[in-house]
Amino acid sequence: MRAPLLRSSLGCLATLFGASPASRGVRRTAAAALPHLCYSRKAMHYQTEERGHPNSADYRIYFKTSDGKYISPFHDIPLVAESEQVTDSPAGLLVSVLYNMVVEVPRWSNAKMEIATKEPLNPIKQDVKKGKLRYVANVFPHKGYIWNYGALPQTWEDPNQKDKETNCCGDNDPIDVCDIGTQVCSPGQVIQVKVLGILAMIDEGETDWKVIAINADDPDAEKLNCIEDVRKSRPGHLEATVEWFRKYKVPDGKPENQFGFKGEFKDEDFAVEIIKSTHEHWRALVHKQTDAGGIECKNLSCCESPFRFSADEARAIVQSVRKNKKKVFHRLDKWHFV
């Protein structure tokens, strides 16, 4: 049976990844069969609150629970959703764990939005490089990002740990996710995704894993269960993903990114093991068992974390951030041929 998930009401997570195949997201067979497809869902709903305006350096998206408590999307949203997907197939019963994904960048947009790992409550903000807001260029034939892009909460790619697969250290961020579903999401939206595979990108000497997943609510989620399903049903999508990651920094004068495994995607089982590893690194981070290196670890729900603080303290942080009334517009139409 599925491994137990031990958590508080906000997700004080102690996931027993290794207890059973289902807990690792591994598909398993069973003698009995269930009718077609069914979901058992108890997903937590989250709200967002904006401060400032988009396309400005002080723009922030803060996260709240349904009862209005401010939380960190990095630390307080559980990695594993309180749900499980069960599919009947010719091979028998298939069970997949669903993961929470925090959407940072909607598909077809250019602003490089990201979880602010070094700010209290870790709101989403636009990345700044050399004093300028960062926008991803349009590399022909694409417009901005080609998937909904975001992160898995409660994961961390430790810059002090050399990855045994890539021989490079982590990039000091939560693990990245590409949602290949058909819906265009919004910044700050929290969706439940099914993991399909993973790509090992090497960005300026750092390991930067890219999880390939699909929104569990997507019409195609039922038929996409592994990376080979994507290859068969969406010809060219995976190849476009590798090329996008290879070239997206070139218009800014950076070299092409490199990849582990010769740019080949690894399967779901491999991806879940990487997710497991980054979750363990995150647990060490919030329990002060490793060098945080400037990462802000304040949270409301992580059991026994020395960084845990109160809802009143969290509210005071958000209220201290001024509301900017100046609207800023930015449009990126130029194509780059690289």
Protein backbone atom coordinates (compact mmCIF):
# COMPACT_ATOMS: atom_id res chain seq x y z
CA MET A 1 0.00 0.00 0.00
CA ARG A 2 0.96 3.62 -0.26
CA ALA A 3 3.53 4.78 2.27
CA PRO A 4 2.16 7.05 5.01
CA LEU A 5 2.69 10.78 4.84
CA LEU A 6 3.17 12.36 8.24
CA ARG A 7 2.37 16.06 8.31
CA SER A 8 0.73 18.85 10.23
CA SER A 9 -2.22 20.76 8.78
CA LEU A 10 0.24 22.85 6.72
CA GLY A 11 2.40 19.96 5.64
CA CYS A 12 5.00 19.13 8.27
CA LEU A 13 6.26 16.43 5.98
CA ALA A 14 8.11 13.26 6.81
CA THR A 15 7.61 11.28 3.62
CA LEU A 16 8.70 7.66 3.76
CA PHE A 17 10.01 7.63 0.19
CA GLY A 18 11.66 4.27 0.47
CA ALA A 19 8.93 2.36 2.22
CA SER A 20 7.15 1.09 -0.88
CA PRO A 21 7.22 1.44 -4.67
CA ALA A 22 4.16 3.68 -4.59
CA SER A 23 5.85 6.12 -2.24
CA ARG A 24 8.64 6.56 -4.80
CA GLY A 25 6.15 7.32 -7.56
CA VAL A 26 6.95 3.93 -9.14
CA ARG A 27 4.13 2.36 -11.06
CA ARG A 28 3.17 -1.05 -9.66
CA THR A 29 0.78 -3.77 -10.72
CA ALA A 30 -1.93 -5.50 -8.72
CA ALA A 31 -4.19 -8.43 -9.40
CA ALA A 32 -7.37 -6.45 -8.90
CA ALA A 33 -8.42 -3.82 -11.39
CA LEU A 34 -10.22 -0.55 -10.81
CA PRO A 35 -12.55 1.05 -13.33
CA HIS A 36 -10.72 3.33 -15.76
CA LEU A 37 -9.30 6.30 -13.84
CA CYS A 38 -10.07 7.71 -10.41
CA TYR A 39 -8.58 10.35 -8.15
CA SER A 40 -8.47 10.64 -4.39
CA ARG A 41 -7.71 14.29 -3.68
CA LYS A 42 -7.40 16.45 -0.61
CA ALA A 43 -5.26 19.18 -2.13
CA MET A 44 -4.68 22.27 -0.02
CA HIS A 45 -5.80 25.52 -1.65
CA TYR A 46 -3.53 28.54 -1.54
CA GLN A 47 -4.06 32.23 -2.15
CA THR A 48 -1.59 34.85 -3.32
CA GLU A 49 -1.17 38.52 -2.49
CA GLU A 50 0.71 40.92 -4.74
CA ARG A 51 2.88 43.79 -3.56
CA GLY A 52 4.15 46.30 -6.09
CA HIS A 53 3.46 45.81 -9.80
CA PRO A 54 4.73 43.36 -12.42
CA ASN A 55 7.88 44.37 -14.31
CA SER A 56 9.26 46.28 -11.33
CA ALA A 57 12.10 45.38 -8.97
CA ASP A 58 9.87 45.57 -5.89
CA TYR A 59 7.10 43.31 -7.23
CA ARG A 60 6.41 40.35 -4.92
CA ILE A 61 3.84 37.55 -4.80
CA TYR A 62 3.24 36.30 -1.25
CA PHE A 63 1.43 33.08 -0.40
CA LYS A 64 -1.40 32.48 2.07
CA THR A 65 -3.44 29.52 3.21
CA SER A 66 -7.20 29.49 2.69
CA ASP A 67 -7.62 30.87 6.23
CA GLY A 68 -5.35 33.84 5.51
CA LYS A 69 -2.07 32.79 7.15
CA TYR A 70 1.04 33.87 5.26
CA ILE A 71 3.40 31.00 4.44
CA SER A 72 6.57 30.24 2.54
CA PRO A 73 6.00 28.46 -0.80
CA PHE A 74 9.53 27.06 -0.45
CA HIS A 75 9.13 25.54 3.03
CA ASP A 76 5.44 25.32 3.98
CA ILE A 77 3.79 23.83 0.89
CA PRO A 78 4.24 20.03 1.03
CA LEU A 79 6.34 18.34 -1.63
CA VAL A 80 3.89 15.47 -1.96
CA ALA A 81 0.27 16.41 -2.56
CA GLU A 82 -2.33 14.78 -0.34
CA SER A 83 -3.52 12.76 -3.29
CA GLU A 84 -2.78 9.71 -5.32
CA GLN A 85 -3.66 8.80 -8.88
CA VAL A 86 -4.85 5.28 -9.68
CA THR A 87 -5.10 4.07 -13.27
CA ASP A 88 -6.33 0.76 -14.64
CA SER A 89 -4.21 -0.47 -17.54
CA PRO A 90 -3.68 -3.74 -19.44
CA ALA A 91 -0.63 -4.32 -17.21
CA GLY A 92 -2.70 -4.01 -14.04
CA LEU A 93 -3.10 -1.30 -11.43
CA LEU A 94 -0.82 1.73 -11.78
CA VAL A 95 -0.27 4.02 -8.81
CA SER A 96 1.51 7.38 -9.06
CA VAL A 97 2.25 9.92 -6.37
CA LEU A 98 1.35 13.48 -7.29
CA TYR A 99 3.60 16.38 -6.36
CA ASN A 100 2.84 20.02 -5.65
CA MET A 101 4.35 22.44 -8.13
CA VAL A 102 4.66 26.18 -7.52
CA VAL A 103 4.29 27.91 -10.90
CA GLU A 104 6.76 30.78 -11.26
CA VAL A 105 6.62 31.51 -15.01
CA PRO A 106 3.56 30.91 -17.22
CA ARG A 107 4.08 29.45 -20.67
CA TRP A 108 4.74 32.02 -23.45
CA SER A 109 5.86 34.71 -21.01
CA ASN A 110 9.36 36.23 -20.70
CA ALA A 111 9.80 37.70 -17.22
CA LYS A 112 12.18 35.46 -15.22
CA MET A 113 10.10 35.02 -12.08
CA GLU A 114 11.43 32.87 -9.25
CA ILE A 115 11.01 32.01 -5.59
CA ALA A 116 13.11 34.51 -3.62
CA THR A 117 15.09 32.00 -1.60
CA LYS A 118 17.01 34.68 0.33
CA GLU A 119 14.01 36.75 1.43
CA PRO A 120 11.73 36.07 4.43
CA LEU A 121 8.66 34.03 3.41
CA ASN A 122 10.30 33.43 0.01
CA PRO A 123 7.83 35.33 -2.20
CA ILE A 124 8.00 35.10 -5.97
CA LYS A 125 9.92 38.01 -7.52
CA GLN A 126 11.51 38.86 -10.85
CA ASP A 127 15.18 37.98 -11.06
CA VAL A 128 17.64 40.86 -11.33
CA LYS A 129 21.07 40.63 -12.98
CA LYS A 130 23.55 43.52 -12.88
CA GLY A 131 20.82 45.85 -11.65
CA LYS A 132 18.40 45.04 -14.48
CA LEU A 133 15.23 43.01 -14.44
CA ARG A 134 15.76 39.72 -16.20
CA TYR A 135 13.71 38.66 -19.23
CA VAL A 136 14.25 35.46 -21.19
CA ALA A 137 14.78 36.16 -24.88
CA ASN A 138 12.60 34.74 -27.65
CA VAL A 139 14.81 32.16 -29.35
CA PHE A 140 13.34 31.21 -32.72
CA PRO A 141 10.83 29.65 -33.15
CA HIS A 142 9.66 30.08 -29.55
CA LYS A 143 7.96 32.86 -27.57
CA GLY A 144 9.30 32.98 -24.01
CA TYR A 145 9.05 29.82 -21.96
CA ILE A 146 7.57 26.82 -23.80
CA TRP A 147 5.96 25.25 -20.70
CA ASN A 148 4.68 26.42 -17.35
CA TYR A 149 7.89 26.65 -15.35
CA GLY A 150 8.29 26.45 -11.61
CA ALA A 151 9.63 24.50 -8.66
CA LEU A 152 8.87 21.61 -6.36
CA PRO A 153 8.53 22.93 -2.79
CA GLN A 154 10.54 21.39 0.04
CA THR A 155 13.45 20.52 -2.29
CA TRP A 156 16.90 22.08 -2.51
CA GLU A 157 19.84 21.48 -4.83
CA ASP A 158 22.65 21.76 -2.29
CA PRO A 159 25.65 23.78 -3.60
CA ASN A 160 27.86 22.00 -1.07
CA GLN A 161 27.03 18.51 -2.39
CA LYS A 162 28.52 17.16 -5.61
CA ASP A 163 25.90 15.21 -7.52
CA LYS A 164 27.11 11.66 -8.17
CA GLU A 165 25.40 11.59 -11.57
CA THR A 166 26.69 14.89 -12.98
CA ASN A 167 29.83 15.38 -10.85
CA CYS A 168 28.72 19.00 -10.29
CA CYS A 169 27.32 20.72 -7.20
CA GLY A 170 23.72 21.93 -6.93
CA ASP A 171 22.56 25.41 -7.98
CA ASN A 172 21.28 26.49 -4.52
CA ASP A 173 17.60 26.52 -5.58
CA PRO A 174 14.53 24.29 -5.32
CA ILE A 175 14.41 21.72 -8.11
CA ASP A 176 12.87 23.08 -11.34
CA VAL A 177 9.77 21.68 -13.04
CA CYS A 178 8.42 21.99 -16.58
CA ASP A 179 4.67 21.39 -16.74
CA ILE A 180 3.91 20.27 -20.29
CA GLY A 181 0.14 20.45 -19.84
CA THR A 182 -2.12 22.41 -22.18
CA GLN A 183 -3.32 24.98 -19.62
CA VAL A 184 -1.44 28.27 -19.30
CA CYS A 185 -1.05 28.82 -15.57
CA SER A 186 -0.52 31.98 -13.50
CA PRO A 187 2.47 33.03 -11.40
CA GLY A 188 1.95 31.71 -7.88
CA GLN A 189 -0.52 29.02 -8.89
CA VAL A 190 -0.02 25.72 -7.06
CA ILE A 191 -0.87 22.68 -9.15
CA GLN A 192 -0.55 18.94 -8.65
CA VAL A 193 1.68 17.26 -11.21
CA LYS A 194 2.59 13.75 -12.29
CA VAL A 195 6.33 13.27 -12.80
CA LEU A 196 7.30 11.79 -16.17
CA GLY A 197 11.08 12.14 -16.33
CA ILE A 198 14.03 14.45 -15.80
CA LEU A 199 16.80 16.25 -17.71
CA ALA A 200 20.27 16.94 -16.25
CA MET A 201 21.27 20.45 -17.30
CA ILE A 202 24.72 21.81 -16.41
CA ASP A 203 24.48 25.59 -16.01
CA GLU A 204 27.86 27.32 -15.64
CA GLY A 205 29.28 24.29 -13.85
CA GLU A 206 26.29 23.70 -11.56
CA THR A 207 23.77 20.86 -11.63
CA ASP A 208 20.32 22.22 -12.52
CA TRP A 209 17.86 19.33 -12.81
CA LYS A 210 14.72 19.90 -14.89
CA VAL A 211 11.79 17.67 -13.92
CA ILE A 212 9.34 16.97 -16.76
CA ALA A 213 5.79 16.68 -15.44
CA ILE A 214 2.16 17.20 -16.40
CA ASN A 215 -0.67 18.87 -14.52
CA ALA A 216 -2.83 16.06 -13.13
CA ASP A 217 -5.93 18.02 -14.24
CA ASP A 218 -4.78 18.15 -17.85
CA PRO A 219 -6.86 16.21 -20.41
CA ASP A 220 -3.68 14.40 -21.52
CA ALA A 221 -2.59 13.40 -18.01
CA GLU A 222 -4.33 10.02 -18.24
CA LYS A 223 -2.38 8.92 -21.32
CA LEU A 224 1.03 10.38 -20.42
CA ASN A 225 2.66 8.13 -17.82
CA CYS A 226 6.34 8.15 -18.78
CA ILE A 227 8.85 10.04 -20.89
CA GLU A 228 8.37 7.64 -23.81
CA ASP A 229 4.65 8.48 -23.85
CA VAL A 230 5.61 12.13 -24.35
CA ARG A 231 8.00 11.21 -27.15
CA LYS A 232 5.33 9.19 -28.96
CA SER A 233 2.33 11.49 -28.50
CA ARG A 234 4.12 14.84 -28.85
CA PRO A 235 6.79 14.48 -31.53
CA GLY A 236 9.51 17.08 -31.19
CA HIS A 237 8.47 18.38 -27.74
CA LEU A 238 11.35 16.80 -25.83
CA GLU A 239 13.88 17.78 -28.49
CA ALA A 240 12.57 21.37 -28.37
CA THR A 241 12.96 21.34 -24.59
CA VAL A 242 16.64 20.39 -24.81
CA GLU A 243 17.30 23.01 -27.49
CA TRP A 244 15.47 25.69 -25.48
CA PHE A 245 17.57 25.04 -22.39
CA ARG A 246 20.72 24.81 -24.48
CA LYS A 247 20.30 28.21 -26.16
CA TYR A 248 18.12 30.45 -23.99
CA LYS A 249 21.07 32.37 -22.50
CA VAL A 250 22.96 32.81 -25.78
CA PRO A 251 21.22 36.12 -26.72
CA ASP A 252 22.53 37.51 -23.41
CA GLY A 253 26.10 36.70 -24.39
CA LYS A 254 26.39 33.49 -22.38
CA PRO A 255 27.66 30.17 -23.75
CA GLU A 256 25.32 27.31 -24.51
CA ASN A 257 24.34 25.18 -21.54
CA GLN A 258 25.57 21.60 -21.36
CA PHE A 259 23.82 18.41 -20.25
CA GLY A 260 24.51 15.21 -18.42
CA PHE A 261 23.73 11.87 -20.08
CA LYS A 262 24.37 13.47 -23.50
CA GLY A 263 21.13 15.40 -23.24
CA GLU A 264 18.99 12.27 -22.88
CA PHE A 265 15.97 12.32 -20.58
CA LYS A 266 15.95 9.90 -17.67
CA ASP A 267 12.77 8.06 -16.69
CA GLU A 268 10.27 8.63 -13.90
CA ASP A 269 11.94 6.26 -11.43
CA PHE A 270 15.26 8.08 -11.86
CA ALA A 271 13.50 11.45 -11.50
CA VAL A 272 11.83 10.45 -8.24
CA GLU A 273 15.18 9.36 -6.78
CA ILE A 274 16.60 12.81 -7.61
CA ILE A 275 13.55 14.46 -6.03
CA LYS A 276 14.03 12.29 -2.95
CA SER A 277 17.65 13.40 -2.69
CA THR A 278 16.81 17.10 -3.00
CA HIS A 279 14.06 16.70 -0.40
CA GLU A 280 16.56 15.24 2.05
CA HIS A 281 18.91 18.16 1.37
CA TRP A 282 16.02 20.54 2.10
CA ARG A 283 15.26 18.75 5.37
CA ALA A 284 18.86 19.25 6.46
CA LEU A 285 18.57 22.92 5.46
CA VAL A 286 15.48 23.74 7.56
CA HIS A 287 16.80 21.72 10.51
CA LYS A 288 20.07 23.72 10.46
CA GLN A 289 22.15 20.64 9.71
CA THR A 290 23.97 22.22 6.78
CA ASP A 291 25.32 25.59 5.71
CA ALA A 292 22.35 27.65 4.51
CA GLY A 293 24.57 30.04 2.58
CA GLY A 294 22.13 32.94 2.84
CA ILE A 295 18.97 30.91 2.21
CA GLU A 296 16.04 32.25 4.27
CA CYS A 297 14.51 29.32 6.16
CA LYS A 298 11.71 30.95 8.20
CA ASN A 299 8.61 28.75 8.13
CA LEU A 300 5.35 28.13 9.97
CA SER A 301 4.98 24.38 9.74
CA CYS A 302 8.22 22.39 9.63
CA CYS A 303 8.36 20.16 12.69
CA GLU A 304 11.31 20.78 15.02
CA SER A 305 12.81 23.39 12.69
CA PRO A 306 14.74 26.07 14.63
CA PHE A 307 13.56 28.57 11.97
CA ARG A 308 9.87 28.09 12.75
CA PHE A 309 8.04 31.31 13.61
CA SER A 310 4.52 32.58 14.23
CA ALA A 311 1.70 33.68 11.93
CA ASP A 312 1.87 37.17 13.49
CA GLU A 313 5.56 37.44 12.62
CA ALA A 314 4.81 36.32 9.08
CA ARG A 315 2.05 38.92 8.73
CA ALA A 316 4.39 41.65 9.96
CA ILE A 317 6.90 40.76 7.22
CA VAL A 318 4.31 41.20 4.46
CA GLN A 319 2.88 44.38 5.97
CA SER A 320 6.36 45.91 6.02
CA VAL A 321 6.60 45.62 2.23
CA ARG A 322 5.29 48.77 0.60
CA LYS A 323 2.66 48.76 -2.09
CA ASN A 324 3.95 50.44 -5.23
CA LYS A 325 1.22 52.17 -7.21
CA LYS A 326 3.30 52.88 -10.29
CA LYS A 327 2.42 50.58 -13.19
CA VAL A 328 5.25 49.37 -15.42
CA PHE A 329 4.73 47.80 -18.83
CA HIS A 330 7.19 45.64 -20.73
CA ARG A 331 6.78 43.83 -24.04
CA LEU A 332 9.40 41.56 -25.59
CA ASP A 333 8.79 40.94 -29.30
CA LYS A 334 12.27 40.43 -30.78
CA TRP A 335 13.20 37.01 -32.14
CA HIS A 336 16.75 35.68 -31.83
CA PHE A 337 18.17 33.23 -34.37
CA VAL A 338 20.94 31.25 -32.67
